Amino acid sequence: MSRERIVIVGAGFAGYQAARTLCHRVRGAAEIVLLNPTDYFLYLPLLPQVAAGILEPRRVTVSIPSTLPRVRLVLGEANHIDLETRSIGYTGPEGKDGELRYDRLVLAVGSVNKLLPVPGVAEYAHGFRGLPEALYLRDHITRQIELAAVTDDRAEAAARGTFVVVGAGYTGTEVAAQGKLFTDALVRKQPAWRRTDKPRWLLLDIAPRVLPELDHRLSDTAQRVLRERGVDVRTGTSVKEARQTGITLDDGEFVETHTLVWCVGVRPDPLVSDLGVSVERGRVVVDPQLNVPGHPDVFACGDAAAVPDLTRPGRFTPMTAQHATRQGRVAGRNVAASLGYGERQTYKHNDLGFVVDLGGVKAAANPLGVPLSGPLAGAVTRGYHLAAMPGNRVRVAADWMLDAVLPRQSVQLGLVRSWTVPLESSSPELARVPGAPRKE
């Protein structure tokens, strides 16, 4: 007898956890197929540390074949899903098209960079959703400091030494916090640095405070640390236009810079908009058991799913890793239950707290609602990340220890160029190369 085939599209927090849960639940009774562009799960919260040179890139990746040996990994990008014929069309890494049939489908395609209609942003800004973007940013920052150190043009030096981050949510706040420490360290190693002032970092957000989605105490802690470190935090401010030479703010000020990091948020993968099912702001509407109404064989979880928040009636769960991880587990259990293994569960989760790594020993955290700051918050934050990672814990901890006692390696690898990581991409986990297939 042929086994039922479960296809999971996407190996982010939700997809990876769904696959792992299914491995334990069905134990070989069904074929589990994971369709993903890369052969690893990316632990996104530590990506700013890759850009700042603290962690090596492989530390934040977890091998799918090694950790999910009972899952068949298919490398490729889904470009079409037909719910009537139960088929998924995809493009492989070398441009070859393929098709997968399924008996059960788990949609966990995640999210991509959120774009706003600001002139010049798509051309001159870079996002921060994938490993290629983090590697590019690390090289780019290093290059700007090195070029600023040797130029005789003070205006050019000032522009190259100015770094602008737009979006003061989790990612933007951590990028600015880690980036300021990184550039200050680079300057100390540059004997040719003639400027008396340190590199300048700006963190912009239209919201009235940094981390607007979190408790005010966490926001205040983060803003205080950033300003003490020298980051120019400007709330209630947005970008009106971006050019090659700099940006124009909505108050008319022009800031000369060669670096614009776009962290204004995320949007669901556009793939889900063409499924022909109900969507809420681009997210597939599901019931509390993560089932797509009208399609008992289809489940959705993570950023691509609009999951009812039973702790806040009438609202949907926010697009966070904490929710995606737990939704993936529930989706895995419910898919297994649909095949006769176990009982279905309803998704309900109260936030256990949040952590924000601000670099060095500084962090802001509120585990179980208890607000923390300083070294204690830093220890809690790193402990949380080690516990949440499905692998590489020893390697990550070793890199942290080495970073505490040794200077960072400040070299440009030159592996990722600017044009290979465009902001407007439905696949931020992949660098764009000449002749590579595009997902339409």
Protein backbone atom coordinates (compact mmCIF):
# COMPACT_ATOMS: atom_id res chain seq x y z
CA MET A 1 0.00 0.00 0.00
CA SER A 2 1.25 3.49 -0.84
CA ARG A 3 1.78 5.87 2.04
CA GLU A 4 -0.02 9.17 2.39
CA ARG A 5 2.19 12.06 1.32
CA ILE A 6 2.43 15.19 3.45
CA VAL A 7 4.04 18.16 1.72
CA ILE A 8 5.28 21.12 3.77
CA VAL A 9 6.09 24.26 1.80
CA GLY A 10 8.69 26.35 3.60
CA ALA A 11 11.24 25.52 6.30
CA GLY A 12 11.09 28.59 8.48
CA PHE A 13 10.06 28.48 12.13
CA ALA A 14 6.61 27.10 11.33
CA GLY A 15 7.56 24.67 8.57
CA TYR A 16 10.57 23.24 10.37
CA GLN A 17 8.60 22.62 13.57
CA ALA A 18 5.70 21.09 11.63
CA ALA A 19 8.11 18.66 9.95
CA ARG A 20 9.80 17.74 13.22
CA THR A 21 6.48 17.20 14.96
CA LEU A 22 5.21 15.00 12.14
CA CYS A 23 8.35 12.87 12.29
CA HIS A 24 7.58 12.03 15.91
CA ARG A 25 3.84 11.59 15.38
CA VAL A 26 3.55 9.44 12.25
CA ARG A 27 6.92 7.63 12.58
CA GLY A 28 7.26 6.47 8.98
CA ALA A 29 3.56 5.75 8.40
CA ALA A 30 3.40 8.68 5.98
CA GLU A 31 5.86 10.23 3.56
CA ILE A 32 6.91 13.69 4.72
CA VAL A 33 8.23 16.00 1.99
CA LEU A 34 9.68 19.44 2.73
CA LEU A 35 9.92 21.88 -0.19
CA ASN A 36 12.37 24.70 0.50
CA PRO A 37 14.87 26.80 -1.51
CA THR A 38 17.71 25.99 0.91
CA ASP A 39 18.82 22.88 2.79
CA TYR A 40 18.78 24.64 6.16
CA PHE A 41 16.52 26.25 8.72
CA LEU A 42 17.61 29.84 9.40
CA TYR A 43 17.44 31.15 12.96
CA LEU A 44 16.52 34.72 12.03
CA PRO A 45 16.81 36.40 15.48
CA LEU A 46 20.61 35.99 15.42
CA LEU A 47 21.04 37.38 11.91
CA PRO A 48 22.09 40.86 13.18
CA GLN A 49 25.02 39.17 14.92
CA VAL A 50 26.11 37.72 11.59
CA ALA A 51 26.06 41.19 10.03
CA ALA A 52 28.07 42.55 12.97
CA GLY A 53 30.75 39.87 12.70
CA ILE A 54 29.95 38.14 16.02
CA LEU A 55 28.67 34.87 14.58
CA GLU A 56 29.85 33.02 11.50
CA PRO A 57 27.04 32.46 8.95
CA ARG A 58 26.73 28.70 9.40
CA ARG A 59 26.13 29.15 13.14
CA VAL A 60 22.61 30.45 12.51
CA THR A 61 21.72 27.69 10.06
CA VAL A 62 20.54 24.21 11.01
CA SER A 63 20.90 21.43 8.45
CA ILE A 64 17.55 19.91 7.45
CA PRO A 65 18.94 16.54 6.23
CA SER A 66 20.97 16.12 9.44
CA THR A 67 18.27 17.05 11.94
CA LEU A 68 15.22 15.71 10.06
CA PRO A 69 16.51 12.42 8.59
CA ARG A 70 13.00 10.99 8.07
CA VAL A 71 11.98 13.97 5.92
CA ARG A 72 12.55 14.04 2.15
CA LEU A 73 13.95 17.44 1.29
CA VAL A 74 13.14 18.83 -2.15
CA LEU A 75 15.15 21.90 -3.06
CA GLY A 76 13.06 24.43 -4.93
CA GLU A 77 10.79 27.46 -4.85
CA ALA A 78 7.06 26.89 -5.09
CA ASN A 79 5.56 29.00 -7.86
CA HIS A 80 2.05 27.55 -8.14
CA ILE A 81 -0.30 25.58 -5.92
CA ASP A 82 -3.48 23.98 -7.28
CA LEU A 83 -5.76 23.02 -4.42
CA GLU A 84 -8.18 21.19 -6.72
CA THR A 85 -5.63 18.80 -8.24
CA ARG A 86 -3.54 18.72 -5.03
CA SER A 87 -0.38 19.65 -6.89
CA ILE A 88 2.50 22.07 -6.31
CA GLY A 89 4.64 23.45 -9.10
CA TYR A 90 8.17 24.49 -8.23
CA THR A 91 11.48 25.56 -9.75
CA GLY A 92 14.65 23.83 -8.63
CA PRO A 93 17.97 25.56 -7.84
CA GLU A 94 19.29 24.87 -11.36
CA GLY A 95 16.17 26.10 -13.15
CA LYS A 96 14.44 22.77 -13.70
CA ASP A 97 10.69 22.75 -13.12
CA GLY A 98 9.06 20.05 -11.03
CA GLU A 99 5.74 19.07 -9.53
CA LEU A 100 4.72 17.50 -6.24
CA ARG A 101 1.43 15.78 -5.46
CA TYR A 102 0.12 15.74 -1.92
CA ASP A 103 -2.51 14.15 0.29
CA ARG A 104 -1.98 16.71 3.04
CA LEU A 105 -0.48 20.18 2.58
CA VAL A 106 1.07 22.48 5.16
CA LEU A 107 1.61 26.05 3.93
CA ALA A 108 4.43 27.67 5.87
CA VAL A 109 5.93 29.93 3.22
CA GLY A 110 6.66 32.74 5.66
CA SER A 111 7.18 36.37 4.74
CA VAL A 112 9.29 38.74 2.65
CA ASN A 113 10.39 42.37 2.96
CA LYS A 114 7.55 44.85 3.26
CA LEU A 115 7.69 47.50 0.57
CA LEU A 116 6.30 51.03 0.74
CA PRO A 117 5.77 53.39 -2.22
CA VAL A 118 8.79 55.55 -1.40
CA PRO A 119 10.71 56.72 -4.50
CA GLY A 120 14.18 55.19 -4.78
CA VAL A 121 13.86 52.70 -1.91
CA ALA A 122 13.61 49.61 -4.14
CA GLU A 123 16.75 50.73 -5.99
CA TYR A 124 18.99 51.89 -3.14
CA ALA A 125 17.85 50.11 0.03
CA HIS A 126 18.56 46.57 1.17
CA GLY A 127 16.43 44.38 3.38
CA PHE A 128 17.35 42.04 6.19
CA ARG A 129 15.42 38.80 5.83
CA GLY A 130 18.03 36.30 4.65
CA LEU A 131 21.60 35.17 5.09
CA PRO A 132 22.79 36.74 1.79
CA GLU A 133 21.56 40.15 2.98
CA ALA A 134 23.39 39.81 6.31
CA LEU A 135 26.62 38.79 4.55
CA TYR A 136 26.27 41.67 2.12
CA LEU A 137 25.71 44.16 4.94
CA ARG A 138 28.76 42.95 6.88
CA ASP A 139 30.98 43.41 3.80
CA HIS A 140 29.34 46.71 2.90
CA ILE A 141 29.79 48.22 6.37
CA THR A 142 33.44 47.14 6.47
CA ARG A 143 34.04 48.58 3.02
CA GLN A 144 32.47 51.95 3.85
CA ILE A 145 34.65 52.35 6.94
CA GLU A 146 37.80 51.41 5.01
CA LEU A 147 36.99 53.81 2.16
CA ALA A 148 36.07 56.61 4.57
CA ALA A 149 39.40 56.17 6.35
CA VAL A 150 41.53 56.83 3.26
CA THR A 151 39.62 59.52 1.38
CA ASP A 152 40.72 63.15 1.59
CA ASP A 153 37.20 64.35 0.85
CA ARG A 154 35.58 65.11 4.23
CA ALA A 155 32.07 65.12 2.77
CA GLU A 156 32.60 61.71 1.21
CA ALA A 157 34.06 60.38 4.45
CA ALA A 158 31.06 61.65 6.39
CA ALA A 159 28.61 60.05 3.93
CA ARG A 160 30.39 56.70 3.97
CA GLY A 161 30.51 56.81 7.76
CA THR A 162 26.75 57.40 8.02
CA PHE A 163 24.45 54.38 8.26
CA VAL A 164 20.66 54.65 8.17
CA VAL A 165 18.26 51.98 9.41
CA VAL A 166 14.57 52.46 8.69
CA GLY A 167 12.20 50.63 11.01
CA ALA A 168 12.62 50.44 14.80
CA GLY A 169 11.01 47.07 15.37
CA TYR A 170 12.94 44.01 16.52
CA THR A 171 15.21 43.73 13.50
CA GLY A 172 15.94 47.41 12.94
CA THR A 173 16.66 48.08 16.61
CA GLU A 174 19.06 45.14 16.85
CA VAL A 175 20.79 45.99 13.55
CA ALA A 176 21.39 49.58 14.69
CA ALA A 177 22.55 48.50 18.17
CA GLN A 178 24.93 45.82 16.91
CA GLY A 179 26.03 47.91 13.92
CA LYS A 180 27.14 50.87 16.04
CA LEU A 181 29.38 48.65 18.16
CA PHE A 182 30.75 47.02 15.01
CA THR A 183 31.69 50.26 13.24
CA ASP A 184 33.24 51.72 16.40
CA ALA A 185 35.41 48.60 16.63
CA LEU A 186 36.36 48.89 12.95
CA VAL A 187 37.43 52.50 13.41
CA ARG A 188 39.71 51.57 16.29
CA LYS A 189 41.57 49.23 13.93
CA GLN A 190 41.96 51.89 11.22
CA PRO A 191 45.16 53.87 11.75
CA ALA A 192 44.21 55.95 8.72
CA TRP A 193 40.98 57.17 10.37
CA ARG A 194 41.49 60.93 10.56
CA ARG A 195 38.07 62.01 11.72
CA THR A 196 37.61 62.92 15.34
CA ASP A 197 34.02 61.71 15.43
CA LYS A 198 32.85 58.11 15.30
CA PRO A 199 30.63 56.60 12.57
CA ARG A 200 27.08 57.88 12.65
CA TRP A 201 24.03 55.63 12.89
CA LEU A 202 20.43 56.80 12.43
CA LEU A 203 17.41 54.73 13.40
CA LEU A 204 14.17 56.04 11.92
CA ASP A 205 10.56 55.04 12.49
CA ILE A 206 7.22 56.70 11.90
CA ALA A 207 6.02 55.31 15.26
CA PRO A 208 6.33 57.48 18.40
CA ARG A 209 8.88 55.11 20.02
CA VAL A 210 11.24 52.26 19.22
CA LEU A 211 9.83 48.74 19.54
CA PRO A 212 6.29 50.13 19.33
CA GLU A 213 4.76 46.65 19.51
CA LEU A 214 6.33 45.91 22.91
CA ASP A 215 5.85 47.05 26.49
CA HIS A 216 6.86 50.66 27.17
CA ARG A 217 9.53 49.54 29.66
CA LEU A 218 11.31 47.46 27.02
CA SER A 219 11.01 50.33 24.57
CA ASP A 220 12.44 52.83 27.05
CA THR A 221 15.36 50.52 27.89
CA ALA A 222 16.24 49.99 24.24
CA GLN A 223 15.97 53.68 23.39
CA ARG A 224 18.16 54.65 26.35
CA VAL A 225 20.88 52.13 25.41
CA LEU A 226 20.85 53.23 21.78
CA ARG A 227 21.17 56.91 22.62
CA GLU A 228 23.90 56.30 25.20
CA ARG A 229 25.79 54.42 22.51
CA GLY A 230 25.48 57.34 20.12
CA VAL A 231 22.72 56.13 17.80
CA ASP A 232 20.60 59.00 16.50
CA VAL A 233 17.08 57.71 17.19
CA ARG A 234 14.39 59.65 15.35
CA THR A 235 10.83 58.60 16.00
CA GLY A 236 7.89 60.09 14.15
CA THR A 237 10.17 60.32 11.12
CA SER A 238 10.02 58.61 7.74
CA VAL A 239 11.89 58.60 4.44
CA LYS A 240 10.41 60.72 1.66
CA GLU A 241 12.88 59.73 -1.06
CA ALA A 242 16.03 57.68 -1.48
CA ARG A 243 18.86 58.44 -3.89
CA GLN A 244 22.27 57.00 -4.59
CA THR A 245 23.86 59.81 -2.57
CA GLY A 246 21.48 59.80 0.39
CA ILE A 247 17.92 60.10 1.64
CA THR A 248 15.41 62.90 2.08
CA LEU A 249 13.40 62.78 5.31
CA ASP A 250 9.77 63.82 5.55
CA ASP A 251 10.82 67.03 7.32
CA GLY A 252 12.92 67.99 4.28
CA GLU A 253 16.36 67.19 5.73
CA PHE A 254 18.76 65.46 3.33
CA VAL A 255 21.11 62.91 4.89
CA GLU A 256 24.12 61.94 2.83
CA THR A 257 24.75 58.21 3.15
CA HIS A 258 25.79 55.17 1.17
CA THR A 259 23.89 52.75 3.42
CA LEU A 260 20.13 52.35 3.73
CA VAL A 261 18.91 49.26 5.60
CA TRP A 262 15.17 48.64 5.19
CA CYS A 263 13.61 46.99 8.26
CA VAL A 264 10.08 48.42 8.17
CA GLY A 265 8.46 45.03 8.60
CA VAL A 266 7.37 42.04 6.59
CA ARG A 267 4.49 40.96 4.38
CA PRO A 268 3.23 37.45 3.68
CA ASP A 269 4.82 35.60 0.78
CA PRO A 270 2.84 36.68 -2.34
CA LEU A 271 2.40 33.01 -3.29
CA VAL A 272 -0.59 32.65 -0.95
CA SER A 273 -2.57 35.43 -2.62
CA ASP A 274 -3.20 33.28 -5.70
CA LEU A 275 -4.65 30.23 -3.95
CA GLY A 276 -8.27 31.22 -4.39
CA VAL A 277 -9.04 31.07 -0.66
CA SER A 278 -9.96 33.78 1.84
CA VAL A 279 -7.08 36.02 2.83
CA GLU A 280 -6.65 38.73 5.45
CA ARG A 281 -4.05 41.32 4.44
CA GLY A 282 -2.29 38.75 2.32
CA ARG A 283 -2.46 35.95 4.93
CA VAL A 284 -4.47 32.76 4.43
CA VAL A 285 -7.44 32.69 6.79
CA VAL A 286 -7.52 29.50 8.89
CA ASP A 287 -9.63 28.20 11.75
CA PRO A 288 -8.26 27.78 15.30
CA GLN A 289 -7.01 24.31 14.32
CA LEU A 290 -4.98 25.88 11.48
CA ASN A 291 -7.16 24.27 8.80
CA VAL A 292 -8.06 26.24 5.66
CA PRO A 293 -11.89 26.40 5.54
CA GLY A 294 -13.31 24.32 2.70
CA HIS A 295 -10.08 22.37 2.28
CA PRO A 296 -9.76 19.73 5.02
CA ASP A 297 -6.47 18.52 3.57
CA VAL A 298 -4.77 21.95 3.71
CA PHE A 299 -3.26 23.59 6.78
CA ALA A 300 -1.42 26.91 7.09
CA CYS A 301 0.76 28.37 9.84
CA GLY A 302 3.36 31.04 10.50
CA ASP A 303 3.54 34.45 8.86
CA ALA A 304 1.51 33.35 5.84
CA ALA A 305 -1.50 32.38 7.97
CA ALA A 306 -4.13 34.59 9.60
CA VAL A 307 -4.64 32.57 12.78
CA PRO A 308 -7.43 33.64 15.18
CA ASP A 309 -5.94 34.85 18.45
CA LEU A 310 -8.07 33.16 21.08
CA THR A 311 -6.38 35.21 23.81
CA ARG A 312 -7.61 38.40 22.09
CA PRO A 313 -10.99 37.65 20.47
CA GLY A 314 -11.55 39.29 17.11
CA ARG A 315 -7.85 39.63 16.31
CA PHE A 316 -5.23 37.52 14.56
CA THR A 317 -1.92 36.39 16.02
CA PRO A 318 1.00 38.68 15.15
CA MET A 319 3.71 37.63 12.72
CA THR A 320 6.41 36.60 15.21
CA ALA A 321 8.80 33.66 15.49
CA GLN A 322 7.28 32.76 18.84
CA HIS A 323 3.84 32.21 17.29
CA ALA A 324 5.22 30.57 14.13
CA THR A 325 7.15 27.99 16.15
CA ARG A 326 4.15 26.99 18.22
CA GLN A 327 1.77 27.07 15.27
CA GLY A 328 4.11 24.72 13.41
CA ARG A 329 3.89 22.21 16.23
CA VAL A 330 0.09 22.42 16.35
CA ALA A 331 -0.12 22.09 12.56
CA GLY A 332 2.07 19.00 12.71
CA ARG A 333 -0.10 17.44 15.41
CA ASN A 334 -3.32 18.22 13.54
CA VAL A 335 -2.06 16.85 10.23
CA ALA A 336 -1.07 13.67 12.05
CA ALA A 337 -4.49 13.58 13.70
CA SER A 338 -6.16 13.85 10.28
CA LEU A 339 -4.35 10.60 9.41
CA GLY A 340 -5.47 8.91 12.60
CA TYR A 341 -2.49 9.61 14.86
CA GLY A 342 -3.45 11.50 17.99
CA GLU A 343 -6.07 14.16 18.63
CA ARG A 344 -6.51 17.57 17.06
CA GLN A 345 -5.54 20.65 19.04
CA THR A 346 -6.70 24.25 18.98
CA TYR A 347 -4.03 26.93 18.76
CA LYS A 348 -3.94 29.22 21.76
CA HIS A 349 -0.83 30.86 23.14
CA ASN A 350 -0.18 33.63 25.64
CA ASP A 351 3.09 35.47 25.09
CA LEU A 352 5.73 34.41 27.60
CA GLY A 353 7.76 37.57 27.14
CA PHE A 354 10.15 39.10 24.65
CA VAL A 355 13.90 39.59 24.34
CA VAL A 356 15.86 42.18 22.37
CA ASP A 357 19.63 41.84 22.04
CA LEU A 358 21.28 45.28 22.06
CA GLY A 359 24.87 44.10 21.65
CA GLY A 360 27.68 43.63 24.13
CA VAL A 361 26.17 42.75 27.50
CA LYS A 362 23.13 44.96 26.94
CA ALA A 363 19.61 43.71 26.22
CA ALA A 364 15.98 44.35 27.07
CA ALA A 365 13.78 41.46 28.18
CA ASN A 366 10.59 40.71 30.07
CA PRO A 367 10.43 36.95 30.70
CA LEU A 368 7.00 36.07 32.15
CA GLY A 369 6.28 39.81 32.32
CA VAL A 370 9.25 40.70 34.53
CA PRO A 371 11.12 43.66 32.96
CA LEU A 372 14.92 43.25 32.86
CA SER A 373 17.79 45.32 31.51
CA GLY A 374 21.58 45.34 31.51
CA PRO A 375 23.78 42.22 31.87
CA LEU A 376 21.00 40.16 33.46
CA ALA A 377 18.76 40.81 30.47
CA GLY A 378 21.70 39.97 28.21
CA ALA A 379 22.18 36.61 29.90
CA VAL A 380 18.45 35.84 29.70
CA THR A 381 18.37 36.83 26.03
CA ARG A 382 21.26 34.61 25.04
CA GLY A 383 19.92 31.77 27.15
CA TYR A 384 16.58 32.06 25.38
CA HIS A 385 18.22 31.92 21.94
CA LEU A 386 20.27 28.87 22.85
CA ALA A 387 17.16 27.11 24.13
CA ALA A 388 15.11 28.07 21.07
CA MET A 389 17.66 26.96 18.47
CA PRO A 390 17.12 23.40 17.20
CA GLY A 391 20.88 22.91 16.71
CA ASN A 392 24.35 24.51 16.72
CA ARG A 393 24.07 25.57 20.35
CA VAL A 394 27.66 24.71 21.25
CA ARG A 395 29.04 26.47 18.18
CA VAL A 396 26.99 29.60 18.87
CA ALA A 397 28.07 29.67 22.52
CA ALA A 398 31.70 29.17 21.45
CA ASP A 399 31.49 32.13 19.06
CA TRP A 400 30.07 34.29 21.84
CA MET A 401 32.92 33.31 24.14
CA LEU A 402 35.53 34.04 21.46
CA ASP A 403 33.92 37.40 20.69
CA ALA A 404 34.21 38.32 24.37
CA VAL A 405 37.99 37.77 24.46
CA LEU A 406 39.22 38.25 20.88
CA PRO A 407 38.85 41.10 18.37
CA ARG A 408 36.47 40.49 15.50
CA GLN A 409 37.80 39.64 12.06
CA SER A 410 37.10 42.70 9.95
CA VAL A 411 37.61 41.58 6.37
CA GLN A 412 35.51 41.76 3.23
CA LEU A 413 34.81 38.35 1.75
CA GLY A 414 33.18 39.82 -1.36
CA LEU A 415 30.88 36.83 -1.78
CA VAL A 416 27.62 38.79 -2.00
CA ARG A 417 27.35 41.89 -4.15
CA SER A 418 24.75 44.64 -3.96
CA TRP A 419 22.80 43.65 -7.06
CA THR A 420 22.40 40.04 -5.88
CA VAL A 421 20.27 41.05 -2.87
CA PRO A 422 17.56 43.39 -4.21
CA LEU A 423 15.02 44.67 -1.73
CA GLU A 424 12.13 43.63 -3.93
CA SER A 425 12.53 39.87 -3.82
CA SER A 426 10.09 37.06 -3.04
CA SER A 427 13.07 34.88 -2.07
CA PRO A 428 15.34 36.83 0.33
CA GLU A 429 16.96 33.55 1.39
CA LEU A 430 18.63 33.29 -2.03
CA ALA A 431 21.15 35.61 -3.65
CA ARG A 432 20.22 36.49 -7.22
CA VAL A 433 22.82 35.45 -9.79
CA PRO A 434 22.99 35.96 -13.58
CA GLY A 435 20.78 33.51 -15.42
CA ALA A 436 19.12 32.22 -12.26
CA PRO A 437 15.39 31.48 -12.47
CA ARG A 438 13.04 34.00 -10.93
CA LYS A 439 9.87 33.19 -9.08
CA GLU A 440 7.15 35.16 -10.81
